[in-house]
Amino acid sequence: MKYITFILIIIVLACVFYSYRPFMNFKEKDSMADGKDTEFTEENYARERKKMVEQQIIARGVKDKKVLDAMESVCRHLFVPEGYRIYSYYDQPLPIGLGQTISQPYIVALMTEMLDVDNDDIVLEIGTGSGYQAAVLSTIAREVYTIEIIEKLGLLADERLKRLGYDNVNFKISDGSLGWPDKGPFDAIIVTAAAEKIPDPLIEQLKPGGRMVIPVNNSSYSQDLLIVEKDKAGNIDTKKTIPVRFVPLVEGEKAAK
């Protein structure tokens, strides 16, 4: 019995090591992807992206064709630090600096499908990060408004989105928990960091008939991915979906410059 337990511990440790391998040599000074790479061609990346969609996203049950097309068209490798491009289409999050991450591709696809966005919709994103989720949404929605509280991270993302031609993405540095009142109400709101509770301003800025997808901390020291819907009368219905793990939602003076 001792030997079986020992073998199981070794297997678990090996799995943990493999999952976190891309994080082990990360340096904050690493610049974000700038379009240069000596190991992979765009053809290689396109092939990996197609495989990602088939093996990680469709295989887990995401079916919305708009979402699948968006995930295959947006170049994730251009939204991660250059030294980690070879891991761009792996089934895991990656560090992007300043203690933040770019989400696992499947989670990006799942949350986008949960939003049920159409091409006439105006979407608010809280937590721009690298800009990847905003880019995915911009290929589906009419307009995307995205907020990042960490100034250095946000300015890099804004420049990247503009350079890559995502012209329907609007950006600002602000406390995302306060939303973007003068641009609302929104057809859909997506939050890409874990909140202690659903911020009241976001509920107020959700259009009647709209939907919000947000990870929220629960009493078990983990997080639940919630779908929040507002009916035509303004009543709120909240549905718990899957357990997730996101970086915390940064608010107010906690932001890093």
C-alpha atoms as a PDB file:
ATOM      1  CA  MET A   1       0.000   0.000   0.000  1.00  0.00           C
ATOM      2  CA  LYS A   2       2.923   2.337   0.810  1.00  0.00           C
ATOM      3  CA  TYR A   3       4.356   1.841  -2.667  1.00  0.00           C
ATOM      4  CA  ILE A   4       1.041   2.567  -4.397  1.00  0.00           C
ATOM      5  CA  THR A   5       0.692   5.793  -2.406  1.00  0.00           C
ATOM      6  CA  PHE A   6       4.278   6.769  -3.299  1.00  0.00           C
ATOM      7  CA  ILE A   7       3.658   6.141  -7.015  1.00  0.00           C
ATOM      8  CA  LEU A   8       0.452   8.200  -6.924  1.00  0.00           C
ATOM      9  CA  ILE A   9       2.306  11.111  -5.294  1.00  0.00           C
ATOM     10  CA  ILE A  10       4.988  10.976  -8.017  1.00  0.00           C
ATOM     11  CA  ILE A  11       2.318  11.018 -10.741  1.00  0.00           C
ATOM     12  CA  VAL A  12       0.551  14.021  -9.180  1.00  0.00           C
ATOM     13  CA  LEU A  13       3.826  15.931  -8.835  1.00  0.00           C
ATOM     14  CA  ALA A  14       4.710  15.195 -12.448  1.00  0.00           C
ATOM     15  CA  CYS A  15       1.323  16.516 -13.604  1.00  0.00           C
ATOM     16  CA  VAL A  16       1.739  19.691 -11.543  1.00  0.00           C
ATOM     17  CA  PHE A  17       5.236  20.233 -12.933  1.00  0.00           C
ATOM     18  CA  TYR A  18       4.027  19.824 -16.516  1.00  0.00           C
ATOM     19  CA  SER A  19       1.104  22.211 -15.989  1.00  0.00           C
ATOM     20  CA  TYR A  20       3.302  24.977 -14.599  1.00  0.00           C
ATOM     21  CA  ARG A  21       6.377  24.471 -16.798  1.00  0.00           C
ATOM     22  CA  PRO A  22       5.756  27.611 -18.911  1.00  0.00           C
ATOM     23  CA  PHE A  23       5.613  29.735 -15.750  1.00  0.00           C
ATOM     24  CA  MET A  24       8.929  28.624 -14.312  1.00  0.00           C
ATOM     25  CA  ASN A  25      11.264  30.902 -16.242  1.00  0.00           C
ATOM     26  CA  PHE A  26       8.956  33.875 -16.609  1.00  0.00           C
ATOM     27  CA  LYS A  27      10.543  37.291 -16.101  1.00  0.00           C
ATOM     28  CA  GLU A  28       8.561  40.480 -15.640  1.00  0.00           C
ATOM     29  CA  LYS A  29      10.877  42.207 -18.109  1.00  0.00           C
ATOM     30  CA  ASP A  30       9.753  39.942 -20.951  1.00  0.00           C
ATOM     31  CA  SER A  31       8.129  42.118 -23.593  1.00  0.00           C
ATOM     32  CA  MET A  32       4.792  41.209 -25.078  1.00  0.00           C
ATOM     33  CA  ALA A  33       4.630  39.616 -28.523  1.00  0.00           C
ATOM     34  CA  ASP A  34       5.637  42.044 -31.244  1.00  0.00           C
ATOM     35  CA  GLY A  35       5.193  39.968 -34.369  1.00  0.00           C
ATOM     36  CA  LYS A  36       8.717  38.483 -34.471  1.00  0.00           C
ATOM     37  CA  ASP A  37       9.520  34.822 -33.990  1.00  0.00           C
ATOM     38  CA  THR A  38      12.355  32.634 -35.192  1.00  0.00           C
ATOM     39  CA  GLU A  39      10.980  29.165 -34.452  1.00  0.00           C
ATOM     40  CA  PHE A  40       7.388  29.139 -35.718  1.00  0.00           C
ATOM     41  CA  THR A  41       5.848  30.444 -38.924  1.00  0.00           C
ATOM     42  CA  GLU A  42       2.314  31.814 -39.202  1.00  0.00           C
ATOM     43  CA  GLU A  43       1.409  28.587 -41.008  1.00  0.00           C
ATOM     44  CA  ASN A  44       2.611  26.588 -37.988  1.00  0.00           C
ATOM     45  CA  TYR A  45       0.573  28.758 -35.646  1.00  0.00           C
ATOM     46  CA  ALA A  46      -2.535  28.473 -37.837  1.00  0.00           C
ATOM     47  CA  ARG A  47      -2.231  24.689 -37.721  1.00  0.00           C
ATOM     48  CA  GLU A  48      -1.837  24.744 -33.928  1.00  0.00           C
ATOM     49  CA  ARG A  49      -4.807  27.102 -33.611  1.00  0.00           C
ATOM     50  CA  LYS A  50      -7.020  24.775 -35.647  1.00  0.00           C
ATOM     51  CA  LYS A  51      -5.934  21.846 -33.493  1.00  0.00           C
ATOM     52  CA  MET A  52      -6.677  23.905 -30.359  1.00  0.00           C
ATOM     53  CA  VAL A  53     -10.228  24.551 -31.525  1.00  0.00           C
ATOM     54  CA  GLU A  54     -10.854  20.920 -32.446  1.00  0.00           C
ATOM     55  CA  GLN A  55      -9.191  19.166 -29.507  1.00  0.00           C
ATOM     56  CA  GLN A  56      -9.683  21.608 -26.627  1.00  0.00           C
ATOM     57  CA  ILE A  57     -12.863  23.504 -27.444  1.00  0.00           C
ATOM     58  CA  ILE A  58     -15.174  21.498 -29.707  1.00  0.00           C
ATOM     59  CA  ALA A  59     -14.202  18.308 -27.855  1.00  0.00           C
ATOM     60  CA  ARG A  60     -15.454  19.869 -24.602  1.00  0.00           C
ATOM     61  CA  GLY A  61     -18.822  20.796 -26.025  1.00  0.00           C
ATOM     62  CA  VAL A  62     -18.560  24.388 -27.296  1.00  0.00           C
ATOM     63  CA  LYS A  63     -20.780  24.492 -30.393  1.00  0.00           C
ATOM     64  CA  ASP A  64     -21.498  28.122 -31.324  1.00  0.00           C
ATOM     65  CA  LYS A  65     -20.033  28.572 -34.812  1.00  0.00           C
ATOM     66  CA  LYS A  66     -19.417  32.297 -34.241  1.00  0.00           C
ATOM     67  CA  VAL A  67     -17.291  31.451 -31.211  1.00  0.00           C
ATOM     68  CA  LEU A  68     -15.412  28.644 -32.953  1.00  0.00           C
ATOM     69  CA  ASP A  69     -14.649  30.877 -35.949  1.00  0.00           C
ATOM     70  CA  ALA A  70     -13.445  33.648 -33.624  1.00  0.00           C
ATOM     71  CA  MET A  71     -11.157  31.304 -31.690  1.00  0.00           C
ATOM     72  CA  GLU A  72      -9.642  30.032 -34.927  1.00  0.00           C
ATOM     73  CA  SER A  73      -9.177  33.480 -36.439  1.00  0.00           C
ATOM     74  CA  VAL A  74      -7.646  35.396 -33.498  1.00  0.00           C
ATOM     75  CA  CYS A  75      -3.897  34.776 -33.167  1.00  0.00           C
ATOM     76  CA  ARG A  76      -3.441  33.984 -29.467  1.00  0.00           C
ATOM     77  CA  HIS A  77       0.349  33.907 -29.861  1.00  0.00           C
ATOM     78  CA  LEU A  78       0.329  37.666 -30.504  1.00  0.00           C
ATOM     79  CA  PHE A  79      -1.174  38.256 -27.046  1.00  0.00           C
ATOM     80  CA  VAL A  80       1.385  36.444 -24.889  1.00  0.00           C
ATOM     81  CA  PRO A  81       4.990  37.308 -23.942  1.00  0.00           C
ATOM     82  CA  GLU A  82       7.304  36.514 -26.820  1.00  0.00           C
ATOM     83  CA  GLY A  83       9.236  33.906 -24.859  1.00  0.00           C
ATOM     84  CA  TYR A  84       6.046  31.884 -24.358  1.00  0.00           C
ATOM     85  CA  ARG A  85       4.702  31.837 -27.888  1.00  0.00           C
ATOM     86  CA  ILE A  86       5.502  28.141 -28.281  1.00  0.00           C
ATOM     87  CA  TYR A  87       2.949  27.496 -25.521  1.00  0.00           C
ATOM     88  CA  SER A  88       0.294  29.781 -27.028  1.00  0.00           C
ATOM     89  CA  TYR A  89      -2.081  27.021 -28.072  1.00  0.00           C
ATOM     90  CA  TYR A  90      -1.526  24.750 -25.084  1.00  0.00           C
ATOM     91  CA  ASP A  91      -4.526  23.891 -22.940  1.00  0.00           C
ATOM     92  CA  GLN A  92      -3.602  26.236 -20.078  1.00  0.00           C
ATOM     93  CA  PRO A  93      -3.353  29.869 -18.970  1.00  0.00           C
ATOM     94  CA  LEU A  94      -0.064  31.726 -19.412  1.00  0.00           C
ATOM     95  CA  PRO A  95       1.565  34.590 -17.468  1.00  0.00           C
ATOM     96  CA  ILE A  96       1.510  38.016 -19.133  1.00  0.00           C
ATOM     97  CA  GLY A  97       3.325  40.010 -16.452  1.00  0.00           C
ATOM     98  CA  LEU A  98       2.415  42.062 -13.381  1.00  0.00           C
ATOM     99  CA  GLY A  99       0.876  39.009 -11.735  1.00  0.00           C
ATOM    100  CA  GLN A 100      -1.759  38.595 -14.456  1.00  0.00           C
ATOM    101  CA  THR A 101      -2.535  35.784 -16.895  1.00  0.00           C
ATOM    102  CA  ILE A 102      -4.134  35.115 -20.253  1.00  0.00           C
ATOM    103  CA  SER A 103      -6.917  32.586 -19.735  1.00  0.00           C
ATOM    104  CA  GLN A 104      -6.939  29.004 -20.955  1.00  0.00           C
ATOM    105  CA  PRO A 105      -8.345  28.925 -24.544  1.00  0.00           C
ATOM    106  CA  TYR A 106     -11.265  26.692 -23.566  1.00  0.00           C
ATOM    107  CA  ILE A 107     -12.342  29.096 -20.807  1.00  0.00           C
ATOM    108  CA  VAL A 108     -12.225  32.044 -23.234  1.00  0.00           C
ATOM    109  CA  ALA A 109     -14.399  30.101 -25.692  1.00  0.00           C
ATOM    110  CA  LEU A 110     -16.792  28.852 -23.007  1.00  0.00           C
ATOM    111  CA  MET A 111     -17.347  32.289 -21.468  1.00  0.00           C
ATOM    112  CA  THR A 112     -17.846  33.814 -24.928  1.00  0.00           C
ATOM    113  CA  GLU A 113     -20.443  31.161 -25.768  1.00  0.00           C
ATOM    114  CA  MET A 114     -22.166  31.720 -22.407  1.00  0.00           C
ATOM    115  CA  LEU A 115     -22.489  35.445 -23.230  1.00  0.00           C
ATOM    116  CA  ASP A 116     -24.567  34.543 -26.304  1.00  0.00           C
ATOM    117  CA  VAL A 117     -23.342  37.623 -28.181  1.00  0.00           C
ATOM    118  CA  ASP A 118     -24.655  38.615 -31.615  1.00  0.00           C
ATOM    119  CA  ASN A 119     -23.279  40.985 -34.242  1.00  0.00           C
ATOM    120  CA  ASP A 120     -25.567  43.833 -33.143  1.00  0.00           C
ATOM    121  CA  ASP A 121     -24.523  43.649 -29.488  1.00  0.00           C
ATOM    122  CA  ILE A 122     -22.466  46.087 -27.437  1.00  0.00           C
ATOM    123  CA  VAL A 123     -20.272  44.293 -24.894  1.00  0.00           C
ATOM    124  CA  LEU A 124     -18.425  45.480 -21.793  1.00  0.00           C
ATOM    125  CA  GLU A 125     -15.322  43.582 -20.694  1.00  0.00           C
ATOM    126  CA  ILE A 126     -13.831  44.036 -17.226  1.00  0.00           C
ATOM    127  CA  GLY A 127     -10.139  43.114 -17.166  1.00  0.00           C
ATOM    128  CA  THR A 128      -8.491  43.733 -20.547  1.00  0.00           C
ATOM    129  CA  GLY A 129      -5.311  41.869 -19.610  1.00  0.00           C
ATOM    130  CA  SER A 130      -3.426  41.123 -22.819  1.00  0.00           C
ATOM    131  CA  GLY A 131      -6.429  42.088 -24.979  1.00  0.00           C
ATOM    132  CA  TYR A 132      -7.085  38.538 -26.221  1.00  0.00           C
ATOM    133  CA  GLN A 133     -10.651  38.164 -24.915  1.00  0.00           C
ATOM    134  CA  ALA A 134     -11.534  41.609 -26.302  1.00  0.00           C
ATOM    135  CA  ALA A 135     -10.146  40.575 -29.698  1.00  0.00           C
ATOM    136  CA  VAL A 136     -12.249  37.397 -29.700  1.00  0.00           C
ATOM    137  CA  LEU A 137     -15.383  39.356 -28.768  1.00  0.00           C
ATOM    138  CA  SER A 138     -14.678  42.033 -31.386  1.00  0.00           C
ATOM    139  CA  THR A 139     -14.984  39.493 -34.203  1.00  0.00           C
ATOM    140  CA  ILE A 140     -18.562  38.749 -33.089  1.00  0.00           C
ATOM    141  CA  ALA A 141     -20.016  41.890 -31.453  1.00  0.00           C
ATOM    142  CA  ARG A 142     -20.700  45.306 -32.974  1.00  0.00           C
ATOM    143  CA  GLU A 143     -18.727  47.168 -30.305  1.00  0.00           C
ATOM    144  CA  VAL A 144     -16.540  46.146 -27.355  1.00  0.00           C
ATOM    145  CA  TYR A 145     -15.714  48.406 -24.401  1.00  0.00           C
ATOM    146  CA  THR A 146     -12.885  47.066 -22.258  1.00  0.00           C
ATOM    147  CA  ILE A 147     -11.480  48.325 -18.949  1.00  0.00           C
ATOM    148  CA  GLU A 148      -8.128  47.578 -17.323  1.00  0.00           C
ATOM    149  CA  ILE A 149      -7.075  48.956 -13.940  1.00  0.00           C
ATOM    150  CA  ILE A 150      -3.359  48.064 -14.256  1.00  0.00           C
ATOM    151  CA  GLU A 151      -2.075  50.938 -16.363  1.00  0.00           C
ATOM    152  CA  LYS A 152       1.094  49.405 -17.805  1.00  0.00           C
ATOM    153  CA  LEU A 153      -0.719  46.231 -18.842  1.00  0.00           C
ATOM    154  CA  GLY A 154      -3.680  48.115 -20.251  1.00  0.00           C
ATOM    155  CA  LEU A 155      -1.668  50.515 -22.394  1.00  0.00           C
ATOM    156  CA  LEU A 156       0.241  47.623 -23.950  1.00  0.00           C
ATOM    157  CA  ALA A 157      -3.032  45.834 -24.713  1.00  0.00           C
ATOM    158  CA  ASP A 158      -4.591  48.956 -26.226  1.00  0.00           C
ATOM    159  CA  GLU A 159      -1.596  49.490 -28.514  1.00  0.00           C
ATOM    160  CA  ARG A 160      -1.649  45.826 -29.530  1.00  0.00           C
ATOM    161  CA  LEU A 161      -5.366  45.804 -30.346  1.00  0.00           C
ATOM    162  CA  LYS A 162      -5.021  48.948 -32.468  1.00  0.00           C
ATOM    163  CA  ARG A 163      -1.950  47.603 -34.271  1.00  0.00           C
ATOM    164  CA  LEU A 164      -3.724  44.337 -35.073  1.00  0.00           C
ATOM    165  CA  GLY A 165      -6.744  46.164 -36.491  1.00  0.00           C
ATOM    166  CA  TYR A 166      -9.419  45.519 -33.859  1.00  0.00           C
ATOM    167  CA  ASP A 167     -11.011  48.881 -34.531  1.00  0.00           C
ATOM    168  CA  ASN A 168     -14.315  48.219 -32.769  1.00  0.00           C
ATOM    169  CA  VAL A 169     -12.592  47.823 -29.374  1.00  0.00           C
ATOM    170  CA  ASN A 170     -12.712  50.872 -27.078  1.00  0.00           C
ATOM    171  CA  PHE A 171     -10.346  50.987 -24.111  1.00  0.00           C
ATOM    172  CA  LYS A 172      -9.798  52.904 -20.894  1.00  0.00           C
ATOM    173  CA  ILE A 173      -7.831  52.666 -17.646  1.00  0.00           C
ATOM    174  CA  SER A 174     -10.256  52.563 -14.733  1.00  0.00           C
ATOM    175  CA  ASP A 175     -11.683  50.543 -11.861  1.00  0.00           C
ATOM    176  CA  GLY A 176     -13.645  47.884 -13.728  1.00  0.00           C
ATOM    177  CA  SER A 177     -15.985  47.220 -10.812  1.00  0.00           C
ATOM    178  CA  LEU A 178     -17.518  50.640 -11.551  1.00  0.00           C
ATOM    179  CA  GLY A 179     -18.231  49.760 -15.171  1.00  0.00           C
ATOM    180  CA  TRP A 180     -18.465  52.358 -17.946  1.00  0.00           C
ATOM    181  CA  PRO A 181     -21.709  54.231 -17.125  1.00  0.00           C
ATOM    182  CA  ASP A 182     -21.726  56.731 -19.993  1.00  0.00           C
ATOM    183  CA  LYS A 183     -21.452  53.930 -22.585  1.00  0.00           C
ATOM    184  CA  GLY A 184     -24.106  51.630 -21.116  1.00  0.00           C
ATOM    185  CA  PRO A 185     -26.405  49.919 -20.862  1.00  0.00           C
ATOM    186  CA  PHE A 186     -24.695  46.883 -22.374  1.00  0.00           C
ATOM    187  CA  ASP A 187     -26.163  43.827 -24.078  1.00  0.00           C
ATOM    188  CA  ALA A 188     -23.527  41.674 -22.403  1.00  0.00           C
ATOM    189  CA  ILE A 189     -20.854  42.045 -19.726  1.00  0.00           C
ATOM    190  CA  ILE A 190     -17.902  39.717 -19.208  1.00  0.00           C
ATOM    191  CA  VAL A 191     -15.605  39.851 -16.177  1.00  0.00           C
ATOM    192  CA  THR A 192     -12.231  38.118 -16.497  1.00  0.00           C
ATOM    193  CA  ALA A 193     -11.135  38.310 -12.850  1.00  0.00           C
ATOM    194  CA  ALA A 194     -12.717  36.913  -9.705  1.00  0.00           C
ATOM    195  CA  ALA A 195     -14.877  39.286  -7.656  1.00  0.00           C
ATOM    196  CA  GLU A 196     -15.885  38.940  -4.019  1.00  0.00           C
ATOM    197  CA  LYS A 197     -19.450  39.602  -5.164  1.00  0.00           C
ATOM    198  CA  ILE A 198     -21.173  40.817  -8.313  1.00  0.00           C
ATOM    199  CA  PRO A 199     -20.530  44.591  -8.437  1.00  0.00           C
ATOM    200  CA  ASP A 200     -23.788  46.555  -8.255  1.00  0.00           C
ATOM    201  CA  PRO A 201     -22.731  49.055 -10.974  1.00  0.00           C
ATOM    202  CA  LEU A 202     -22.346  46.185 -13.444  1.00  0.00           C
ATOM    203  CA  ILE A 203     -25.841  44.913 -12.693  1.00  0.00           C
ATOM    204  CA  GLU A 204     -27.168  48.443 -13.201  1.00  0.00           C
ATOM    205  CA  GLN A 205     -25.364  48.791 -16.541  1.00  0.00           C
ATOM    206  CA  LEU A 206     -26.652  45.457 -17.878  1.00  0.00           C
ATOM    207  CA  LYS A 207     -29.456  46.050 -20.361  1.00  0.00           C
ATOM    208  CA  PRO A 208     -32.839  44.376 -19.652  1.00  0.00           C
ATOM    209  CA  GLY A 209     -32.672  41.095 -21.538  1.00  0.00           C
ATOM    210  CA  GLY A 210     -28.872  41.141 -21.184  1.00  0.00           C
ATOM    211  CA  ARG A 211     -26.438  38.648 -19.747  1.00  0.00           C
ATOM    212  CA  MET A 212     -23.273  38.817 -17.624  1.00  0.00           C
ATOM    213  CA  VAL A 213     -20.642  36.107 -17.144  1.00  0.00           C
ATOM    214  CA  ILE A 214     -18.488  36.558 -14.045  1.00  0.00           C
ATOM    215  CA  PRO A 215     -16.306  34.421 -11.734  1.00  0.00           C
ATOM    216  CA  VAL A 216     -17.148  35.022  -8.067  1.00  0.00           C
ATOM    217  CA  ASN A 217     -15.415  33.791  -4.929  1.00  0.00           C
ATOM    218  CA  ASN A 218     -17.432  31.343  -2.857  1.00  0.00           C
ATOM    219  CA  SER A 219     -17.325  30.259   0.764  1.00  0.00           C
ATOM    220  CA  SER A 220     -15.133  27.238  -0.042  1.00  0.00           C
ATOM    221  CA  TYR A 221     -12.076  29.334  -0.983  1.00  0.00           C
ATOM    222  CA  SER A 222     -12.654  28.689  -4.667  1.00  0.00           C
ATOM    223  CA  GLN A 223     -14.599  30.409  -7.446  1.00  0.00           C
ATOM    224  CA  ASP A 224     -17.832  29.778  -9.335  1.00  0.00           C
ATOM    225  CA  LEU A 225     -18.442  30.935 -12.888  1.00  0.00           C
ATOM    226  CA  LEU A 226     -21.850  32.626 -12.838  1.00  0.00           C
ATOM    227  CA  ILE A 227     -24.299  33.541 -15.583  1.00  0.00           C
ATOM    228  CA  VAL A 228     -26.307  36.585 -14.520  1.00  0.00           C
ATOM    229  CA  GLU A 229     -29.406  37.470 -16.533  1.00  0.00           C
ATOM    230  CA  LYS A 230     -31.635  40.518 -16.286  1.00  0.00           C
ATOM    231  CA  ASP A 231     -35.164  40.080 -17.605  1.00  0.00           C
ATOM    232  CA  LYS A 232     -37.247  42.772 -19.316  1.00  0.00           C
ATOM    233  CA  ALA A 233     -38.671  43.834 -15.952  1.00  0.00           C
ATOM    234  CA  GLY A 234     -35.195  44.249 -14.460  1.00  0.00           C
ATOM    235  CA  ASN A 235     -35.309  41.116 -12.288  1.00  0.00           C
ATOM    236  CA  ILE A 236     -31.985  39.311 -11.815  1.00  0.00           C
ATOM    237  CA  ASP A 237     -31.468  35.560 -12.138  1.00  0.00           C
ATOM    238  CA  THR A 238     -28.093  34.011 -11.274  1.00  0.00           C
ATOM    239  CA  LYS A 239     -27.000  30.552 -12.398  1.00  0.00           C
ATOM    240  CA  LYS A 240     -23.902  28.769 -11.114  1.00  0.00           C
ATOM    241  CA  THR A 241     -22.031  26.822 -13.820  1.00  0.00           C
ATOM    242  CA  ILE A 242     -18.509  25.446 -13.261  1.00  0.00           C
ATOM    243  CA  PRO A 243     -15.686  25.941 -10.737  1.00  0.00           C
ATOM    244  CA  VAL A 244     -12.877  28.147 -12.122  1.00  0.00           C
ATOM    245  CA  ARG A 245      -9.629  29.789 -11.067  1.00  0.00           C
ATOM    246  CA  PHE A 246      -9.034  33.439 -12.003  1.00  0.00           C
ATOM    247  CA  VAL A 247      -6.735  36.140 -10.666  1.00  0.00           C
ATOM    248  CA  PRO A 248      -8.557  38.485  -8.230  1.00  0.00           C
ATOM    249  CA  LEU A 249     -10.480  41.475  -9.521  1.00  0.00           C
ATOM    250  CA  VAL A 250      -8.305  44.491  -8.689  1.00  0.00           C
ATOM    251  CA  GLU A 251     -10.256  47.488  -7.431  1.00  0.00           C
ATOM    252  CA  GLY A 252      -9.483  51.096  -6.563  1.00  0.00           C
ATOM    253  CA  GLU A 253      -6.094  51.879  -5.043  1.00  0.00           C
ATOM    254  CA  LYS A 254      -4.919  48.252  -5.221  1.00  0.00           C
ATOM    255  CA  ALA A 255      -3.958  48.696  -8.867  1.00  0.00           C
ATOM    256  CA  ALA A 256      -0.325  48.293  -9.898  1.00  0.00           C
ATOM    257  CA  LYS A 257       1.118  51.009 -12.095  1.00  0.00           C
END
